[in-house]
Amino acid sequence: MGKGGSLGTCVDILIAILLPPLGVFFKYGCRAEFWICLLLTILGYIPGIIYALCVLA
């Protein structure tokens, strides 16, 4: 079948690019990481993406 973890990581990264807070929420729930990502996404879409990718990678 291949590597099971790599598909999940690719999906997480794709979600983080499309909707950054949602990708972080799937991994961490409603913890501080989610709220920081939501705030950064509201302030600017690109900072939200960068933060989500850093948190998920």
PDB file of N, CA and C in Angstrom:
ATOM      1  N   MET A   1       0.808  -1.201   0.000  1.00  0.00           N
ATOM      2  CA  MET A   1       0.000   0.000   0.000  1.00  0.00           C
ATOM      3  C   MET A   1       0.848   1.261   0.000  1.00  0.00           C
ATOM      4  N   GLY A   2       2.010   1.245   0.590  1.00  0.00           N
ATOM      5  CA  GLY A   2       2.844   2.443   0.641  1.00  0.00           C
ATOM      6  C   GLY A   2       2.906   3.004   2.038  1.00  0.00           C
ATOM      7  N   LYS A   3       3.310   4.242   2.114  1.00  0.00           N
ATOM      8  CA  LYS A   3       3.455   4.897   3.405  1.00  0.00           C
ATOM      9  C   LYS A   3       2.116   5.482   3.834  1.00  0.00           C
ATOM     10  N   GLY A   4       1.597   5.028   4.959  1.00  0.00           N
ATOM     11  CA  GLY A   4       0.309   5.516   5.449  1.00  0.00           C
ATOM     12  C   GLY A   4       0.370   6.925   5.979  1.00  0.00           C
ATOM     13  N   GLY A   5       1.476   7.309   6.613  1.00  0.00           N
ATOM     14  CA  GLY A   5       1.578   8.632   7.210  1.00  0.00           C
ATOM     15  C   GLY A   5       1.754   9.742   6.203  1.00  0.00           C
ATOM     16  N   SER A   6       2.364   9.463   5.057  1.00  0.00           N
ATOM     17  CA  SER A   6       2.637  10.518   4.092  1.00  0.00           C
ATOM     18  C   SER A   6       1.363  11.030   3.427  1.00  0.00           C
ATOM     19  N   LEU A   7       0.379  10.158   3.218  1.00  0.00           N
ATOM     20  CA  LEU A   7      -0.880  10.614   2.633  1.00  0.00           C
ATOM     21  C   LEU A   7      -1.603  11.552   3.588  1.00  0.00           C
ATOM     22  N   GLY A   8      -1.608  11.213   4.868  1.00  0.00           N
ATOM     23  CA  GLY A   8      -2.231  12.078   5.863  1.00  0.00           C
ATOM     24  C   GLY A   8      -1.547  13.427   5.940  1.00  0.00           C
ATOM     25  N   THR A   9      -0.233  13.441   5.837  1.00  0.00           N
ATOM     26  CA  THR A   9       0.518  14.693   5.865  1.00  0.00           C
ATOM     27  C   THR A   9       0.200  15.538   4.644  1.00  0.00           C
ATOM     28  N   CYS A  10       0.102  14.907   3.482  1.00  0.00           N
ATOM     29  CA  CYS A  10      -0.242  15.649   2.261  1.00  0.00           C
ATOM     30  C   CYS A  10      -1.635  16.258   2.357  1.00  0.00           C
ATOM     31  N   VAL A  11      -2.576  15.513   2.897  1.00  0.00           N
ATOM     32  CA  VAL A  11      -3.938  16.023   3.064  1.00  0.00           C
ATOM     33  C   VAL A  11      -3.940  17.171   4.067  1.00  0.00           C
ATOM     34  N   ASP A  12      -3.198  17.028   5.168  1.00  0.00           N
ATOM     35  CA  ASP A  12      -3.108  18.105   6.163  1.00  0.00           C
ATOM     36  C   ASP A  12      -2.547  19.379   5.540  1.00  0.00           C
ATOM     37  N   ILE A  13      -1.517  19.252   4.736  1.00  0.00           N
ATOM     38  CA  ILE A  13      -0.890  20.415   4.108  1.00  0.00           C
ATOM     39  C   ILE A  13      -1.833  21.047   3.094  1.00  0.00           C
ATOM     40  N   LEU A  14      -2.551  20.235   2.339  1.00  0.00           N
ATOM     41  CA  LEU A  14      -3.506  20.769   1.373  1.00  0.00           C
ATOM     42  C   LEU A  14      -4.626  21.538   2.072  1.00  0.00           C
ATOM     43  N   ILE A  15      -5.140  20.979   3.153  1.00  0.00           N
ATOM     44  CA  ILE A  15      -6.179  21.677   3.924  1.00  0.00           C
ATOM     45  C   ILE A  15      -5.615  22.964   4.529  1.00  0.00           C
ATOM     46  N   ALA A  16      -4.359  22.912   4.993  1.00  0.00           N
ATOM     47  CA  ALA A  16      -3.738  24.097   5.590  1.00  0.00           C
ATOM     48  C   ALA A  16      -3.560  25.209   4.568  1.00  0.00           C
ATOM     49  N   ILE A  17      -3.374  24.865   3.311  1.00  0.00           N
ATOM     50  CA  ILE A  17      -3.236  25.889   2.274  1.00  0.00           C
ATOM     51  C   ILE A  17      -4.604  26.470   1.920  1.00  0.00           C
ATOM     52  N   LEU A  18      -5.617  25.617   1.840  1.00  0.00           N
ATOM     53  CA  LEU A  18      -6.950  26.101   1.461  1.00  0.00           C
ATOM     54  C   LEU A  18      -7.644  26.834   2.604  1.00  0.00           C
ATOM     55  N   LEU A  19      -7.664  26.236   3.790  1.00  0.00           N
ATOM     56  CA  LEU A  19      -8.298  26.823   4.975  1.00  0.00           C
ATOM     57  C   LEU A  19      -7.375  26.598   6.172  1.00  0.00           C
ATOM     58  N   PRO A  20      -6.442  27.498   6.401  1.00  0.00           N
ATOM     59  CA  PRO A  20      -5.426  27.279   7.435  1.00  0.00           C
ATOM     60  C   PRO A  20      -5.962  26.932   8.825  1.00  0.00           C
ATOM     61  N   PRO A  21      -6.967  27.638   9.358  1.00  0.00           N
ATOM     62  CA  PRO A  21      -7.434  27.278  10.703  1.00  0.00           C
ATOM     63  C   PRO A  21      -8.036  25.871  10.776  1.00  0.00           C
ATOM     64  N   LEU A  22      -8.657  25.432   9.695  1.00  0.00           N
ATOM     65  CA  LEU A  22      -9.259  24.106   9.688  1.00  0.00           C
ATOM     66  C   LEU A  22      -8.202  23.012   9.768  1.00  0.00           C
ATOM     67  N   GLY A  23      -7.096  23.194   9.051  1.00  0.00           N
ATOM     68  CA  GLY A  23      -6.011  22.219   9.112  1.00  0.00           C
ATOM     69  C   GLY A  23      -5.421  22.121  10.502  1.00  0.00           C
ATOM     70  N   VAL A  24      -5.236  23.250  11.156  1.00  0.00           N
ATOM     71  CA  VAL A  24      -4.693  23.256  12.514  1.00  0.00           C
ATOM     72  C   VAL A  24      -5.714  22.673  13.492  1.00  0.00           C
ATOM     73  N   PHE A  25      -6.997  22.963  13.278  1.00  0.00           N
ATOM     74  CA  PHE A  25      -8.043  22.429  14.145  1.00  0.00           C
ATOM     75  C   PHE A  25      -8.095  20.907  14.092  1.00  0.00           C
ATOM     76  N   PHE A  26      -7.928  20.330  12.907  1.00  0.00           N
ATOM     77  CA  PHE A  26      -7.964  18.872  12.775  1.00  0.00           C
ATOM     78  C   PHE A  26      -6.846  18.207  13.567  1.00  0.00           C
ATOM     79  N   LYS A  27      -5.715  18.898  13.695  1.00  0.00           N
ATOM     80  CA  LYS A  27      -4.589  18.294  14.408  1.00  0.00           C
ATOM     81  C   LYS A  27      -4.599  18.608  15.899  1.00  0.00           C
ATOM     82  N   TYR A  28      -4.950  19.827  16.278  1.00  0.00           N
ATOM     83  CA  TYR A  28      -4.822  20.270  17.667  1.00  0.00           C
ATOM     84  C   TYR A  28      -6.144  20.531  18.376  1.00  0.00           C
ATOM     85  N   GLY A  29      -7.233  20.624  17.655  1.00  0.00           N
ATOM     86  CA  GLY A  29      -8.504  20.975  18.295  1.00  0.00           C
ATOM     87  C   GLY A  29      -8.545  22.458  18.605  1.00  0.00           C
ATOM     88  N   CYS A  30      -9.286  22.831  19.644  1.00  0.00           N
ATOM     89  CA  CYS A  30      -9.465  24.246  20.001  1.00  0.00           C
ATOM     90  C   CYS A  30      -8.416  24.716  20.998  1.00  0.00           C
ATOM     91  N   ARG A  31      -7.180  24.378  20.762  1.00  0.00           N
ATOM     92  CA  ARG A  31      -6.097  24.853  21.633  1.00  0.00           C
ATOM     93  C   ARG A  31      -5.556  26.169  21.095  1.00  0.00           C
ATOM     94  N   ALA A  32      -4.517  26.667  21.723  1.00  0.00           N
ATOM     95  CA  ALA A  32      -3.960  27.982  21.377  1.00  0.00           C
ATOM     96  C   ALA A  32      -3.499  28.051  19.921  1.00  0.00           C
ATOM     97  N   GLU A  33      -2.983  26.939  19.378  1.00  0.00           N
ATOM     98  CA  GLU A  33      -2.503  26.936  17.996  1.00  0.00           C
ATOM     99  C   GLU A  33      -3.614  27.306  17.022  1.00  0.00           C
ATOM    100  N   PHE A  34      -4.810  26.776  17.275  1.00  0.00           N
ATOM    101  CA  PHE A  34      -5.945  27.078  16.410  1.00  0.00           C
ATOM    102  C   PHE A  34      -6.298  28.561  16.465  1.00  0.00           C
ATOM    103  N   TRP A  35      -6.366  29.123  17.664  1.00  0.00           N
ATOM    104  CA  TRP A  35      -6.768  30.524  17.804  1.00  0.00           C
ATOM    105  C   TRP A  35      -5.734  31.471  17.210  1.00  0.00           C
ATOM    106  N   ILE A  36      -4.458  31.130  17.358  1.00  0.00           N
ATOM    107  CA  ILE A  36      -3.404  31.950  16.746  1.00  0.00           C
ATOM    108  C   ILE A  36      -3.537  31.909  15.226  1.00  0.00           C
ATOM    109  N   CYS A  37      -3.763  30.721  14.689  1.00  0.00           N
ATOM    110  CA  CYS A  37      -3.908  30.577  13.238  1.00  0.00           C
ATOM    111  C   CYS A  37      -5.143  31.314  12.736  1.00  0.00           C
ATOM    112  N   LEU A  38      -6.235  31.242  13.480  1.00  0.00           N
ATOM    113  CA  LEU A  38      -7.450  31.949  13.088  1.00  0.00           C
ATOM    114  C   LEU A  38      -7.221  33.458  13.070  1.00  0.00           C
ATOM    115  N   LEU A  39      -6.565  33.971  14.098  1.00  0.00           N
ATOM    116  CA  LEU A  39      -6.275  35.402  14.157  1.00  0.00           C
ATOM    117  C   LEU A  39      -5.364  35.835  13.006  1.00  0.00           C
ATOM    118  N   LEU A  40      -4.321  35.047  12.740  1.00  0.00           N
ATOM    119  CA  LEU A  40      -3.415  35.391  11.645  1.00  0.00           C
ATOM    120  C   LEU A  40      -4.121  35.328  10.294  1.00  0.00           C
ATOM    121  N   THR A  41      -5.028  34.379  10.133  1.00  0.00           N
ATOM    122  CA  THR A  41      -5.762  34.265   8.875  1.00  0.00           C
ATOM    123  C   THR A  41      -6.717  35.440   8.694  1.00  0.00           C
ATOM    124  N   ILE A  42      -7.313  35.894   9.785  1.00  0.00           N
ATOM    125  CA  ILE A  42      -8.198  37.062   9.698  1.00  0.00           C
ATOM    126  C   ILE A  42      -7.388  38.313   9.345  1.00  0.00           C
ATOM    127  N   LEU A  43      -6.210  38.434   9.938  1.00  0.00           N
ATOM    128  CA  LEU A  43      -5.371  39.604   9.673  1.00  0.00           C
ATOM    129  C   LEU A  43      -4.755  39.577   8.279  1.00  0.00           C
ATOM    130  N   GLY A  44      -4.508  38.384   7.772  1.00  0.00           N
ATOM    131  CA  GLY A  44      -3.942  38.230   6.437  1.00  0.00           C
ATOM    132  C   GLY A  44      -3.868  36.756   6.084  1.00  0.00           C
ATOM    133  N   TYR A  45      -4.329  36.422   4.919  1.00  0.00           N
ATOM    134  CA  TYR A  45      -4.422  35.014   4.534  1.00  0.00           C
ATOM    135  C   TYR A  45      -3.043  34.343   4.483  1.00  0.00           C
ATOM    136  N   ILE A  46      -2.051  35.028   3.950  1.00  0.00           N
ATOM    137  CA  ILE A  46      -0.705  34.454   3.798  1.00  0.00           C
ATOM    138  C   ILE A  46      -0.057  34.162   5.162  1.00  0.00           C
ATOM    139  N   PRO A  47      -0.110  35.066   6.151  1.00  0.00           N
ATOM    140  CA  PRO A  47       0.444  34.721   7.465  1.00  0.00           C
ATOM    141  C   PRO A  47      -0.232  33.504   8.093  1.00  0.00           C
ATOM    142  N   GLY A  48      -1.526  33.349   7.870  1.00  0.00           N
ATOM    143  CA  GLY A  48      -2.235  32.189   8.364  1.00  0.00           C
ATOM    144  C   GLY A  48      -1.737  30.909   7.741  1.00  0.00           C
ATOM    145  N   ILE A  49      -1.485  30.941   6.435  1.00  0.00           N
ATOM    146  CA  ILE A  49      -0.957  29.769   5.741  1.00  0.00           C
ATOM    147  C   ILE A  49       0.437  29.432   6.248  1.00  0.00           C
ATOM    148  N   ILE A  50       1.282  30.428   6.383  1.00  0.00           N
ATOM    149  CA  ILE A  50       2.656  30.195   6.839  1.00  0.00           C
ATOM    150  C   ILE A  50       2.651  29.591   8.242  1.00  0.00           C
ATOM    151  N   TYR A  51       1.849  30.138   9.125  1.00  0.00           N
ATOM    152  CA  TYR A  51       1.788  29.604  10.486  1.00  0.00           C
ATOM    153  C   TYR A  51       1.259  28.176  10.493  1.00  0.00           C
ATOM    154  N   ALA A  52       0.205  27.915   9.731  1.00  0.00           N
ATOM    155  CA  ALA A  52      -0.372  26.565   9.691  1.00  0.00           C
ATOM    156  C   ALA A  52       0.634  25.565   9.154  1.00  0.00           C
ATOM    157  N   LEU A  53       1.369  25.911   8.131  1.00  0.00           N
ATOM    158  CA  LEU A  53       2.364  24.993   7.581  1.00  0.00           C
ATOM    159  C   LEU A  53       3.489  24.744   8.570  1.00  0.00           C
ATOM    160  N   CYS A  54       3.901  25.774   9.299  1.00  0.00           N
ATOM    161  CA  CYS A  54       4.958  25.604  10.304  1.00  0.00           C
ATOM    162  C   CYS A  54       4.483  24.712  11.442  1.00  0.00           C
ATOM    163  N   VAL A  55       3.240  24.867  11.864  1.00  0.00           N
ATOM    164  CA  VAL A  55       2.711  24.087  12.961  1.00  0.00           C
ATOM    165  C   VAL A  55       2.513  22.625  12.543  1.00  0.00           C
ATOM    166  N   LEU A  56       2.059  22.400  11.325  1.00  0.00           N
ATOM    167  CA  LEU A  56       1.759  21.050  10.873  1.00  0.00           C
ATOM    168  C   LEU A  56       2.981  20.287  10.388  1.00  0.00           C
ATOM    169  N   ALA A  57       4.013  20.991   9.975  1.00  0.00           N
ATOM    170  CA  ALA A  57       5.194  20.293   9.447  1.00  0.00           C
ATOM    171  C   ALA A  57       6.197  19.919  10.509  1.00  0.00           C
TER     172      ALA A  57
END
